[in-house]
Amino acid sequence: MITKNTDPYKLKKCVACKKDIALGDRYFAYPLSLQQMCLPCAQKEIPKIIESLQKDLDKIIKEQQQQQQAG
C-alpha cells in the first residue's frame, strides 16, 4: 500500500536503505505492518517478495495435492 507521510511527530525510516522518509514523501508499507520502504527500495524489493510468496504458494499447492493422492 502506498501512503503519504503526513505525521510530523513520527519519524519513518525505510527498512531497506535506512534513510528517513521525509514529511510529505510517499512510501510503501505492507498492510497491517509497521515496516515502511521508500518507493525506490520498494520498486526493487516487491518483485523479490512476490517471487518468495509464489514459491510458498506452490509448496502449499503441492502438499495439498500429495495429501489428496494419499488420502
Protein backbone atom coordinates (compact mmCIF):
# COMPACT_ATOMS: atom_id res chain seq x y z
CA MET A 1 0.00 0.00 0.00
CA ILE A 2 1.46 3.35 -1.00
CA THR A 3 0.90 6.06 1.59
CA LYS A 4 1.99 9.64 2.11
CA ASN A 5 3.93 10.53 5.25
CA THR A 6 1.66 13.06 6.94
CA ASP A 7 2.58 12.57 10.61
CA PRO A 8 5.06 15.29 11.64
CA TYR A 9 5.55 13.68 15.07
CA LYS A 10 6.52 10.18 13.96
CA LEU A 11 9.83 9.51 12.21
CA LYS A 12 9.55 6.96 9.43
CA LYS A 13 12.59 5.08 8.10
CA CYS A 14 12.99 2.81 5.11
CA VAL A 15 13.70 -0.72 6.37
CA ALA A 16 15.84 -1.45 3.28
CA CYS A 17 18.15 1.58 2.94
CA LYS A 18 17.60 3.04 6.46
CA LYS A 19 17.00 6.57 5.10
CA ASP A 20 14.40 8.83 6.68
CA ILE A 21 11.12 9.16 4.80
CA ALA A 22 10.51 12.90 4.78
CA LEU A 23 7.23 14.52 5.70
CA GLY A 24 5.11 14.66 2.55
CA ASP A 25 7.02 11.86 0.79
CA ARG A 26 5.18 8.79 -0.40
CA TYR A 27 6.27 5.35 0.81
CA PHE A 28 5.26 1.68 0.62
CA ALA A 29 4.02 -0.28 3.62
CA TYR A 30 2.61 -3.78 3.82
CA PRO A 31 -0.97 -3.87 5.09
CA LEU A 32 -1.03 -4.38 8.88
CA SER A 33 2.74 -3.91 9.11
CA LEU A 34 4.95 -1.39 10.84
CA GLN A 35 7.65 -1.67 8.19
CA GLN A 36 7.96 1.10 5.62
CA MET A 37 10.05 1.33 2.45
CA CYS A 38 10.85 4.34 0.33
CA LEU A 39 9.47 3.98 -3.19
CA PRO A 40 12.86 3.30 -4.88
CA CYS A 41 13.57 0.43 -2.45
CA ALA A 42 10.01 -0.87 -2.76
CA GLN A 43 10.43 -0.99 -6.53
CA LYS A 44 13.45 -3.28 -6.03
CA GLU A 45 12.06 -5.39 -3.18
CA ILE A 46 8.45 -6.07 -4.23
CA PRO A 47 9.39 -8.42 -7.11
CA LYS A 48 11.59 -10.44 -4.71
CA ILE A 49 8.73 -10.64 -2.22
CA ILE A 50 6.28 -11.75 -4.92
CA GLU A 51 8.70 -14.45 -6.05
CA SER A 52 9.10 -15.71 -2.49
CA LEU A 53 5.34 -15.74 -1.90
CA GLN A 54 4.79 -17.59 -5.19
CA LYS A 55 7.26 -20.28 -4.10
CA ASP A 56 5.42 -20.64 -0.79
CA LEU A 57 2.10 -20.89 -2.61
CA ASP A 58 3.50 -23.55 -4.96
CA LYS A 59 4.69 -25.58 -1.94
CA ILE A 60 1.24 -25.37 -0.33
CA ILE A 61 -0.48 -26.48 -3.53
CA LYS A 62 1.98 -29.36 -3.95
CA GLU A 63 1.43 -30.53 -0.36
CA GLN A 64 -2.34 -30.38 -0.78
CA GLN A 65 -2.13 -32.43 -3.98
CA GLN A 66 0.04 -35.03 -2.23
CA GLN A 67 -2.42 -35.26 0.65
CA GLN A 68 -5.33 -35.72 -1.76
CA GLN A 69 -3.48 -38.51 -3.59
CA ALA A 70 -2.56 -40.24 -0.31
CA GLY A 71 -5.97 -39.89 1.30
